[in-house]
Amino acid sequence: MTRRSELLMPAGNLRKLKMAVLYGADAVHLGTPDMSLRTKSQFSLEDVIEGVEFGHAHGKRT
């Protein structure tokens, strides 16, 4: 069985999440400002929902 690497990209806002998905990321990680330690997140809870739905619609993990 051949295993392939996964391209995991961070996203600080909804626009960046969509760009990562459209440019080939296999998965995107994100969080709201109160639940994100890596970045100064600009996601609202509504953005998170839209981003997860967008990623899943494109066959990606979020």
PDB file of N, CA and C in Angstrom:
ATOM      1  N   MET A   1       0.844  -1.184   0.000  1.00  0.00           N
ATOM      2  CA  MET A   1       0.000   0.000   0.000  1.00  0.00           C
ATOM      3  C   MET A   1       0.885   1.241   0.000  1.00  0.00           C
ATOM      4  N   THR A   2       0.655   2.127  -0.937  1.00  0.00           N
ATOM      5  CA  THR A   2       1.413   3.364  -1.020  1.00  0.00           C
ATOM      6  C   THR A   2       0.711   4.448  -0.223  1.00  0.00           C
ATOM      7  N   ARG A   3       1.459   5.098   0.627  1.00  0.00           N
ATOM      8  CA  ARG A   3       0.898   6.213   1.397  1.00  0.00           C
ATOM      9  C   ARG A   3       1.398   7.506   0.786  1.00  0.00           C
ATOM     10  N   ARG A   4       0.527   8.485   0.690  1.00  0.00           N
ATOM     11  CA  ARG A   4       0.953   9.765   0.165  1.00  0.00           C
ATOM     12  C   ARG A   4       0.880  10.814   1.264  1.00  0.00           C
ATOM     13  N   SER A   5       1.703  11.818   1.138  1.00  0.00           N
ATOM     14  CA  SER A   5       1.707  12.904   2.120  1.00  0.00           C
ATOM     15  C   SER A   5       0.437  13.733   1.990  1.00  0.00           C
ATOM     16  N   GLU A   6       0.071  14.366   3.078  1.00  0.00           N
ATOM     17  CA  GLU A   6      -1.097  15.238   3.096  1.00  0.00           C
ATOM     18  C   GLU A   6      -0.633  16.682   3.208  1.00  0.00           C
ATOM     19  N   LEU A   7      -1.195  17.556   2.398  1.00  0.00           N
ATOM     20  CA  LEU A   7      -0.903  18.977   2.480  1.00  0.00           C
ATOM     21  C   LEU A   7      -1.933  19.610   3.404  1.00  0.00           C
ATOM     22  N   LEU A   8      -1.501  19.984   4.610  1.00  0.00           N
ATOM     23  CA  LEU A   8      -2.351  20.595   5.623  1.00  0.00           C
ATOM     24  C   LEU A   8      -1.986  22.066   5.723  1.00  0.00           C
ATOM     25  N   MET A   9      -2.948  22.944   5.496  1.00  0.00           N
ATOM     26  CA  MET A   9      -2.696  24.384   5.485  1.00  0.00           C
ATOM     27  C   MET A   9      -3.461  25.073   6.612  1.00  0.00           C
ATOM     28  N   PRO A  10      -2.841  26.081   7.248  1.00  0.00           N
ATOM     29  CA  PRO A  10      -3.571  26.885   8.226  1.00  0.00           C
ATOM     30  C   PRO A  10      -4.381  27.959   7.500  1.00  0.00           C
ATOM     31  N   ALA A  11      -5.457  28.394   8.105  1.00  0.00           N
ATOM     32  CA  ALA A  11      -6.250  29.479   7.533  1.00  0.00           C
ATOM     33  C   ALA A  11      -6.648  30.440   8.645  1.00  0.00           C
ATOM     34  N   GLY A  12      -6.348  31.706   8.456  1.00  0.00           N
ATOM     35  CA  GLY A  12      -6.677  32.715   9.463  1.00  0.00           C
ATOM     36  C   GLY A  12      -8.004  33.399   9.234  1.00  0.00           C
ATOM     37  N   ASN A  13      -8.575  33.197   8.042  1.00  0.00           N
ATOM     38  CA  ASN A  13      -9.895  33.763   7.758  1.00  0.00           C
ATOM     39  C   ASN A  13     -10.550  32.940   6.647  1.00  0.00           C
ATOM     40  N   LEU A  14     -11.800  33.232   6.368  1.00  0.00           N
ATOM     41  CA  LEU A  14     -12.568  32.442   5.411  1.00  0.00           C
ATOM     42  C   LEU A  14     -11.982  32.534   4.007  1.00  0.00           C
ATOM     43  N   ARG A  15     -11.533  33.708   3.602  1.00  0.00           N
ATOM     44  CA  ARG A  15     -10.943  33.877   2.274  1.00  0.00           C
ATOM     45  C   ARG A  15      -9.718  32.999   2.101  1.00  0.00           C
ATOM     46  N   LYS A  16      -8.860  32.952   3.113  1.00  0.00           N
ATOM     47  CA  LYS A  16      -7.650  32.125   3.048  1.00  0.00           C
ATOM     48  C   LYS A  16      -7.995  30.641   3.042  1.00  0.00           C
ATOM     49  N   LEU A  17      -9.033  30.248   3.770  1.00  0.00           N
ATOM     50  CA  LEU A  17      -9.459  28.855   3.755  1.00  0.00           C
ATOM     51  C   LEU A  17      -9.888  28.457   2.344  1.00  0.00           C
ATOM     52  N   LYS A  18     -10.703  29.292   1.714  1.00  0.00           N
ATOM     53  CA  LYS A  18     -11.181  28.980   0.371  1.00  0.00           C
ATOM     54  C   LYS A  18     -10.024  28.921  -0.620  1.00  0.00           C
ATOM     55  N   MET A  19      -9.061  29.823  -0.499  1.00  0.00           N
ATOM     56  CA  MET A  19      -7.903  29.812  -1.392  1.00  0.00           C
ATOM     57  C   MET A  19      -7.086  28.535  -1.201  1.00  0.00           C
ATOM     58  N   ALA A  20      -6.883  28.124   0.048  1.00  0.00           N
ATOM     59  CA  ALA A  20      -6.122  26.905   0.318  1.00  0.00           C
ATOM     60  C   ALA A  20      -6.803  25.694  -0.315  1.00  0.00           C
ATOM     61  N   VAL A  21      -8.117  25.612  -0.168  1.00  0.00           N
ATOM     62  CA  VAL A  21      -8.870  24.494  -0.757  1.00  0.00           C
ATOM     63  C   VAL A  21      -8.757  24.523  -2.275  1.00  0.00           C
ATOM     64  N   LEU A  22      -8.971  25.692  -2.867  1.00  0.00           N
ATOM     65  CA  LEU A  22      -8.957  25.799  -4.324  1.00  0.00           C
ATOM     66  C   LEU A  22      -7.571  25.588  -4.925  1.00  0.00           C
ATOM     67  N   TYR A  23      -6.520  25.842  -4.144  1.00  0.00           N
ATOM     68  CA  TYR A  23      -5.162  25.678  -4.650  1.00  0.00           C
ATOM     69  C   TYR A  23      -4.527  24.348  -4.247  1.00  0.00           C
ATOM     70  N   GLY A  24      -5.336  23.401  -3.743  1.00  0.00           N
ATOM     71  CA  GLY A  24      -4.843  22.046  -3.609  1.00  0.00           C
ATOM     72  C   GLY A  24      -4.577  21.497  -2.224  1.00  0.00           C
ATOM     73  N   ALA A  25      -4.900  22.234  -1.174  1.00  0.00           N
ATOM     74  CA  ALA A  25      -4.716  21.677   0.171  1.00  0.00           C
ATOM     75  C   ALA A  25      -5.608  20.451   0.338  1.00  0.00           C
ATOM     76  N   ASP A  26      -5.092  19.421   0.997  1.00  0.00           N
ATOM     77  CA  ASP A  26      -5.894  18.238   1.310  1.00  0.00           C
ATOM     78  C   ASP A  26      -6.767  18.489   2.535  1.00  0.00           C
ATOM     79  N   ALA A  27      -6.277  19.359   3.424  1.00  0.00           N
ATOM     80  CA  ALA A  27      -6.987  19.672   4.657  1.00  0.00           C
ATOM     81  C   ALA A  27      -6.591  21.069   5.100  1.00  0.00           C
ATOM     82  N   VAL A  28      -7.481  21.703   5.863  1.00  0.00           N
ATOM     83  CA  VAL A  28      -7.240  23.052   6.364  1.00  0.00           C
ATOM     84  C   VAL A  28      -7.570  23.059   7.849  1.00  0.00           C
ATOM     85  N   HIS A  29      -6.706  23.719   8.649  1.00  0.00           N
ATOM     86  CA  HIS A  29      -7.054  23.851  10.068  1.00  0.00           C
ATOM     87  C   HIS A  29      -7.352  25.305  10.378  1.00  0.00           C
ATOM     88  N   LEU A  30      -8.314  25.502  11.291  1.00  0.00           N
ATOM     89  CA  LEU A  30      -8.810  26.831  11.595  1.00  0.00           C
ATOM     90  C   LEU A  30      -9.396  26.849  12.990  1.00  0.00           C
ATOM     91  N   GLY A  31      -9.701  28.030  13.471  1.00  0.00           N
ATOM     92  CA  GLY A  31     -10.351  28.172  14.764  1.00  0.00           C
ATOM     93  C   GLY A  31     -10.840  29.590  14.945  1.00  0.00           C
ATOM     94  N   THR A  32     -11.760  29.773  15.873  1.00  0.00           N
ATOM     95  CA  THR A  32     -12.225  31.116  16.207  1.00  0.00           C
ATOM     96  C   THR A  32     -11.198  31.769  17.127  1.00  0.00           C
ATOM     97  N   PRO A  33     -11.231  33.084  17.273  1.00  0.00           N
ATOM     98  CA  PRO A  33     -10.222  33.751  18.106  1.00  0.00           C
ATOM     99  C   PRO A  33     -10.094  33.185  19.526  1.00  0.00           C
ATOM    100  N   ASP A  34     -11.186  32.739  20.100  1.00  0.00           N
ATOM    101  CA  ASP A  34     -11.129  32.194  21.457  1.00  0.00           C
ATOM    102  C   ASP A  34     -10.715  30.723  21.503  1.00  0.00           C
ATOM    103  N   MET A  35     -10.543  30.084  20.333  1.00  0.00           N
ATOM    104  CA  MET A  35     -10.159  28.669  20.305  1.00  0.00           C
ATOM    105  C   MET A  35      -8.952  28.411  19.406  1.00  0.00           C
ATOM    106  N   SER A  36      -8.138  29.418  19.155  1.00  0.00           N
ATOM    107  CA  SER A  36      -7.020  29.246  18.248  1.00  0.00           C
ATOM    108  C   SER A  36      -5.749  29.787  18.893  1.00  0.00           C
ATOM    109  N   LEU A  37      -4.738  28.935  19.022  1.00  0.00           N
ATOM    110  CA  LEU A  37      -3.479  29.359  19.630  1.00  0.00           C
ATOM    111  C   LEU A  37      -2.408  29.713  18.609  1.00  0.00           C
ATOM    112  N   ARG A  38      -2.525  29.225  17.373  1.00  0.00           N
ATOM    113  CA  ARG A  38      -1.465  29.393  16.390  1.00  0.00           C
ATOM    114  C   ARG A  38      -1.500  30.711  15.634  1.00  0.00           C
ATOM    115  N   THR A  39      -2.652  31.297  15.500  1.00  0.00           N
ATOM    116  CA  THR A  39      -2.783  32.451  14.616  1.00  0.00           C
ATOM    117  C   THR A  39      -3.765  33.459  15.193  1.00  0.00           C
ATOM    118  N   LYS A  40      -3.692  34.636  14.715  1.00  0.00           N
ATOM    119  CA  LYS A  40      -4.684  35.637  15.085  1.00  0.00           C
ATOM    120  C   LYS A  40      -5.890  35.433  14.179  1.00  0.00           C
ATOM    121  N   SER A  41      -6.727  34.524  14.563  1.00  0.00           N
ATOM    122  CA  SER A  41      -7.862  34.106  13.757  1.00  0.00           C
ATOM    123  C   SER A  41      -8.871  35.228  13.561  1.00  0.00           C
ATOM    124  N   GLN A  42      -9.417  35.289  12.362  1.00  0.00           N
ATOM    125  CA  GLN A  42     -10.461  36.262  12.041  1.00  0.00           C
ATOM    126  C   GLN A  42     -11.772  35.550  11.710  1.00  0.00           C
ATOM    127  N   PHE A  43     -11.950  34.333  12.211  1.00  0.00           N
ATOM    128  CA  PHE A  43     -13.154  33.553  11.940  1.00  0.00           C
ATOM    129  C   PHE A  43     -14.236  33.850  12.974  1.00  0.00           C
ATOM    130  N   SER A  44     -15.435  34.093  12.489  1.00  0.00           N
ATOM    131  CA  SER A  44     -16.607  34.082  13.357  1.00  0.00           C
ATOM    132  C   SER A  44     -17.133  32.644  13.346  1.00  0.00           C
ATOM    133  N   LEU A  45     -18.054  32.348  14.219  1.00  0.00           N
ATOM    134  CA  LEU A  45     -18.637  31.002  14.222  1.00  0.00           C
ATOM    135  C   LEU A  45     -19.342  30.728  12.891  1.00  0.00           C
ATOM    136  N   GLU A  46     -19.987  31.729  12.320  1.00  0.00           N
ATOM    137  CA  GLU A  46     -20.647  31.570  11.020  1.00  0.00           C
ATOM    138  C   GLU A  46     -19.624  31.280   9.920  1.00  0.00           C
ATOM    139  N   ASP A  47     -18.453  31.952   9.981  1.00  0.00           N
ATOM    140  CA  ASP A  47     -17.382  31.695   9.014  1.00  0.00           C
ATOM    141  C   ASP A  47     -16.876  30.260   9.124  1.00  0.00           C
ATOM    142  N   VAL A  48     -16.756  29.763  10.348  1.00  0.00           N
ATOM    143  CA  VAL A  48     -16.294  28.391  10.559  1.00  0.00           C
ATOM    144  C   VAL A  48     -17.268  27.422   9.893  1.00  0.00           C
ATOM    145  N   ILE A  49     -18.542  27.633  10.115  1.00  0.00           N
ATOM    146  CA  ILE A  49     -19.558  26.758   9.524  1.00  0.00           C
ATOM    147  C   ILE A  49     -19.473  26.809   8.005  1.00  0.00           C
ATOM    148  N   GLU A  50     -19.399  28.021   7.439  1.00  0.00           N
ATOM    149  CA  GLU A  50     -19.303  28.156   5.986  1.00  0.00           C
ATOM    150  C   GLU A  50     -18.014  27.516   5.459  1.00  0.00           C
ATOM    151  N   GLY A  51     -16.911  27.705   6.179  1.00  0.00           N
ATOM    152  CA  GLY A  51     -15.635  27.136   5.752  1.00  0.00           C
ATOM    153  C   GLY A  51     -15.630  25.616   5.766  1.00  0.00           C
ATOM    154  N   VAL A  52     -16.195  25.028   6.807  1.00  0.00           N
ATOM    155  CA  VAL A  52     -16.275  23.565   6.891  1.00  0.00           C
ATOM    156  C   VAL A  52     -17.148  23.034   5.762  1.00  0.00           C
ATOM    157  N   GLU A  53     -18.279  23.668   5.523  1.00  0.00           N
ATOM    158  CA  GLU A  53     -19.159  23.238   4.431  1.00  0.00           C
ATOM    159  C   GLU A  53     -18.465  23.377   3.079  1.00  0.00           C
ATOM    160  N   PHE A  54     -17.722  24.463   2.874  1.00  0.00           N
ATOM    161  CA  PHE A  54     -16.997  24.684   1.627  1.00  0.00           C
ATOM    162  C   PHE A  54     -15.933  23.604   1.430  1.00  0.00           C
ATOM    163  N   GLY A  55     -15.160  23.353   2.467  1.00  0.00           N
ATOM    164  CA  GLY A  55     -14.132  22.313   2.376  1.00  0.00           C
ATOM    165  C   GLY A  55     -14.712  20.951   2.076  1.00  0.00           C
ATOM    166  N   HIS A  56     -15.761  20.574   2.777  1.00  0.00           N
ATOM    167  CA  HIS A  56     -16.386  19.271   2.561  1.00  0.00           C
ATOM    168  C   HIS A  56     -16.995  19.164   1.175  1.00  0.00           C
ATOM    169  N   ALA A  57     -17.568  20.268   0.680  1.00  0.00           N
ATOM    170  CA  ALA A  57     -18.142  20.259  -0.674  1.00  0.00           C
ATOM    171  C   ALA A  57     -17.078  20.007  -1.738  1.00  0.00           C
ATOM    172  N   HIS A  58     -15.816  20.327  -1.400  1.00  0.00           N
ATOM    173  CA  HIS A  58     -14.701  20.117  -2.328  1.00  0.00           C
ATOM    174  C   HIS A  58     -13.908  18.862  -1.979  1.00  0.00           C
ATOM    175  N   GLY A  59     -14.451  18.028  -1.098  1.00  0.00           N
ATOM    176  CA  GLY A  59     -13.807  16.764  -0.748  1.00  0.00           C
ATOM    177  C   GLY A  59     -12.577  16.919   0.134  1.00  0.00           C
ATOM    178  N   LYS A  60     -12.509  18.014   0.908  1.00  0.00           N
ATOM    179  CA  LYS A  60     -11.351  18.283   1.772  1.00  0.00           C
ATOM    180  C   LYS A  60     -11.738  18.146   3.227  1.00  0.00           C
ATOM    181  N   ARG A  61     -10.725  17.962   4.052  1.00  0.00           N
ATOM    182  CA  ARG A  61     -10.963  17.878   5.501  1.00  0.00           C
ATOM    183  C   ARG A  61     -10.715  19.244   6.127  1.00  0.00           C
ATOM    184  N   THR A  62     -11.520  19.589   7.115  1.00  0.00           N
ATOM    185  CA  THR A  62     -11.319  20.847   7.834  1.00  0.00           C
ATOM    186  C   THR A  62     -11.327  20.569   9.315  1.00  0.00           C
TER     187      THR A  62
END
